[in-house]
């Protein structure tokens, strides 16, 4: 695939990711439900970008997603952009590095576990470093903890369905 084709596909998936992230601004969905739906959709975009545009382009999207989340006031402080971007990067790289060895589904599981583990560790570190009200710290720890494993797996399921439906599935 040519570079301009990869760039075009990455740009389209970036636009789709931004639309998914903006749903919370227009549709009144409880934050916890929004976390699972939007998180799974964003993770699907990350995996689709790996598949269709390459892992480097997916890493760009992995960094853009938390910046947008901060601008939409989902993340309370800009310092939380770093752990979310790193966790998204762990998701992308976990998938990319394990897919060729283990196949699609094990790679999705490894990527989701890598994301959840990276997110938990980095958010715990940031919360310990920054003084936050106890209630906010607990909410952030929960929101950026185990649900990331679920949204990582959800993103893998959505990616699989899209790849199958579009006829570009490869294992």
Protein backbone atom coordinates (compact mmCIF):
# COMPACT_ATOMS: atom_id res chain seq x y z
CA UNK A 1 0.00 0.00 0.00
CA UNK A 2 1.31 3.44 -0.89
CA UNK A 3 2.07 6.08 1.72
CA UNK A 4 -0.67 8.43 0.54
CA UNK A 5 -3.21 5.61 0.84
CA UNK A 6 -2.06 4.91 4.40
CA UNK A 7 -2.24 8.58 5.27
CA UNK A 8 -5.72 8.88 3.77
CA UNK A 9 -6.97 5.85 5.70
CA UNK A 10 -5.42 7.15 8.92
CA UNK A 11 -7.05 10.55 8.36
CA UNK A 12 -10.45 8.93 7.80
CA UNK A 13 -10.09 6.83 10.94
CA UNK A 14 -8.98 9.92 12.87
CA UNK A 15 -12.11 11.73 11.70
CA UNK A 16 -14.25 8.75 12.73
CA UNK A 17 -12.52 8.61 16.13
CA UNK A 18 -13.20 12.33 16.66
CA UNK A 19 -16.86 11.82 15.77
CA UNK A 20 -17.12 8.96 18.27
CA UNK A 21 -15.48 11.06 20.98
CA UNK A 22 -17.88 13.92 20.26
CA UNK A 23 -20.99 11.77 20.74
CA UNK A 24 -20.88 12.51 24.48
CA UNK A 25 -21.34 16.21 23.69
CA UNK A 26 -24.59 15.67 21.79
CA UNK A 27 -26.21 12.54 23.20
CA UNK A 28 -27.15 12.54 26.89
CA UNK A 29 -25.68 9.22 27.96
CA UNK A 30 -24.59 8.51 31.55
CA UNK A 31 -20.80 8.88 31.89
CA UNK A 32 -20.26 5.23 32.85
CA UNK A 33 -22.16 4.00 29.77
CA UNK A 34 -20.39 6.58 27.63
CA UNK A 35 -17.04 5.27 28.89
CA UNK A 36 -17.73 1.78 27.55
CA UNK A 37 -19.34 2.78 24.25
CA UNK A 38 -16.95 5.57 23.29
CA UNK A 39 -13.91 3.76 24.71
CA UNK A 40 -14.67 0.65 22.64
CA UNK A 41 -15.23 2.76 19.52
CA UNK A 42 -11.94 4.65 19.99
CA UNK A 43 -10.07 1.39 20.59
CA UNK A 44 -11.62 -0.06 17.43
CA UNK A 45 -10.34 2.96 15.51
CA UNK A 46 -6.86 2.37 16.92
CA UNK A 47 -6.83 -1.28 15.84
CA UNK A 48 -8.33 -0.47 12.45
CA UNK A 49 -5.59 2.11 11.97
CA UNK A 50 -2.93 -0.52 12.75
CA UNK A 51 -4.56 -2.84 10.22
CA UNK A 52 -5.21 -0.29 7.48
CA UNK A 53 -2.57 2.43 7.89
CA UNK A 54 0.18 0.95 10.06
CA UNK A 55 1.21 1.07 13.69
CA UNK A 56 3.01 4.42 13.41
CA UNK A 57 -0.16 6.15 12.25
CA UNK A 58 -2.06 4.36 15.02
CA UNK A 59 0.37 5.82 17.57
CA UNK A 60 -0.47 9.29 16.27
CA UNK A 61 -4.16 8.61 16.88
CA UNK A 62 -3.27 7.16 20.29
CA UNK A 63 -1.87 10.54 21.31
CA UNK A 64 -4.60 12.65 19.71
CA UNK A 65 -7.44 10.80 21.50
CA UNK A 66 -6.57 11.93 25.06
CA UNK A 67 -5.86 15.48 23.90
CA UNK A 68 -9.39 15.60 22.51
CA UNK A 69 -10.75 14.01 25.70
CA UNK A 70 -9.06 16.75 27.73
CA UNK A 71 -10.42 19.49 25.46
CA UNK A 72 -13.89 17.97 25.91
CA UNK A 73 -13.35 18.12 29.69
CA UNK A 74 -13.43 14.34 30.14
CA UNK A 75 -9.95 14.42 31.68
CA UNK A 76 -9.78 16.89 34.60
CA UNK A 77 -6.15 18.02 34.16
CA UNK A 78 -3.77 18.07 31.19
CA UNK A 79 -1.32 15.85 33.11
CA UNK A 80 -3.72 12.93 32.52
CA UNK A 81 -3.12 13.16 28.77
CA UNK A 82 0.23 11.41 29.22
CA UNK A 83 -1.02 8.25 30.98
CA UNK A 84 -3.93 7.86 28.57
CA UNK A 85 -1.67 8.37 25.54
CA UNK A 86 0.85 5.88 26.94
CA UNK A 87 -1.89 3.33 27.60
CA UNK A 88 -3.25 3.80 24.07
CA UNK A 89 0.30 3.33 22.80
CA UNK A 90 0.60 0.12 24.83
CA UNK A 91 -2.65 -1.04 23.23
CA UNK A 92 -1.41 -0.34 19.72
CA UNK A 93 2.04 -1.84 20.27
CA UNK A 94 0.72 -4.81 22.26
CA UNK A 95 -1.56 -5.64 19.35
CA UNK A 96 1.05 -5.01 16.66
CA UNK A 97 3.81 -7.02 18.33
CA UNK A 98 1.68 -10.01 19.28
CA UNK A 99 -0.55 -10.33 16.22
CA UNK A 100 2.02 -11.97 13.98
CA UNK A 101 2.99 -14.47 16.70
CA UNK A 102 -0.36 -15.43 18.16
CA UNK A 103 -3.11 -14.35 15.75
CA UNK A 104 -5.89 -11.83 16.07
CA UNK A 105 -7.80 -12.77 19.22
CA UNK A 106 -4.81 -13.45 21.47
CA UNK A 107 -3.31 -10.17 20.22
CA UNK A 108 -6.50 -8.31 21.19
CA UNK A 109 -6.40 -9.86 24.67
CA UNK A 110 -2.71 -9.02 25.09
CA UNK A 111 -3.28 -5.47 23.85
CA UNK A 112 -6.25 -4.93 26.17
CA UNK A 113 -4.26 -6.25 29.14
CA UNK A 114 -1.28 -4.06 28.20
CA UNK A 115 -3.54 -1.02 28.00
CA UNK A 116 -5.28 -1.69 31.30
CA UNK A 117 -1.99 -2.41 33.07
CA UNK A 118 -0.26 0.68 31.69
CA UNK A 119 -3.26 2.87 32.48
CA UNK A 120 -3.59 1.58 36.03
CA UNK A 121 0.10 2.03 36.80
CA UNK A 122 0.44 5.48 35.27
CA UNK A 123 -2.79 6.87 36.71
CA UNK A 124 -1.86 5.58 40.16
CA UNK A 125 1.50 7.32 39.80
CA UNK A 126 -0.08 10.61 38.68
CA UNK A 127 -2.67 10.50 41.46
CA UNK A 128 0.09 9.90 44.01
CA UNK A 129 2.08 12.80 42.54
CA UNK A 130 -0.77 15.32 42.35
CA UNK A 131 -3.00 16.16 45.27
CA UNK A 132 -6.57 15.58 44.18
CA UNK A 133 -9.72 15.50 46.25
CA UNK A 134 -10.29 11.93 47.44
CA UNK A 135 -13.60 11.63 45.58
CA UNK A 136 -12.07 12.74 42.27
CA UNK A 137 -9.04 10.47 42.74
CA UNK A 138 -11.31 7.48 43.40
CA UNK A 139 -13.48 8.27 40.35
CA UNK A 140 -10.44 8.62 38.10
CA UNK A 141 -8.87 5.43 39.42
CA UNK A 142 -12.07 3.55 38.71
CA UNK A 143 -12.75 5.15 35.31
CA UNK A 144 -9.18 4.63 34.14
CA UNK A 145 -8.81 1.17 35.69
CA UNK A 146 -10.57 -2.12 34.93
CA UNK A 147 -13.03 -0.59 32.40
CA UNK A 148 -10.03 -0.13 30.10
CA UNK A 149 -9.71 -3.90 29.83
CA UNK A 150 -13.37 -4.15 28.80
CA UNK A 151 -13.12 -1.30 26.26
CA UNK A 152 -9.93 -2.82 24.86
CA UNK A 153 -11.70 -6.12 24.27
CA UNK A 154 -14.76 -4.28 22.94
CA UNK A 155 -12.57 -2.41 20.48
CA UNK A 156 -11.19 -5.73 19.26
CA UNK A 157 -14.69 -7.09 18.71
CA UNK A 158 -15.79 -3.99 16.79
CA UNK A 159 -12.59 -4.03 14.71
CA UNK A 160 -13.16 -7.71 13.86
CA UNK A 161 -16.74 -7.02 12.77
CA UNK A 162 -15.67 -4.09 10.58
CA UNK A 163 -12.84 -6.05 8.97
CA UNK A 164 -15.14 -9.02 8.29
CA UNK A 165 -17.90 -6.80 6.91
CA UNK A 166 -15.56 -4.88 4.62
CA UNK A 167 -13.92 -8.06 3.36
CA UNK A 168 -10.38 -7.19 4.46
CA UNK A 169 -10.20 -9.74 7.31
CA UNK A 170 -6.89 -11.53 7.68
CA UNK A 171 -5.80 -13.61 10.63
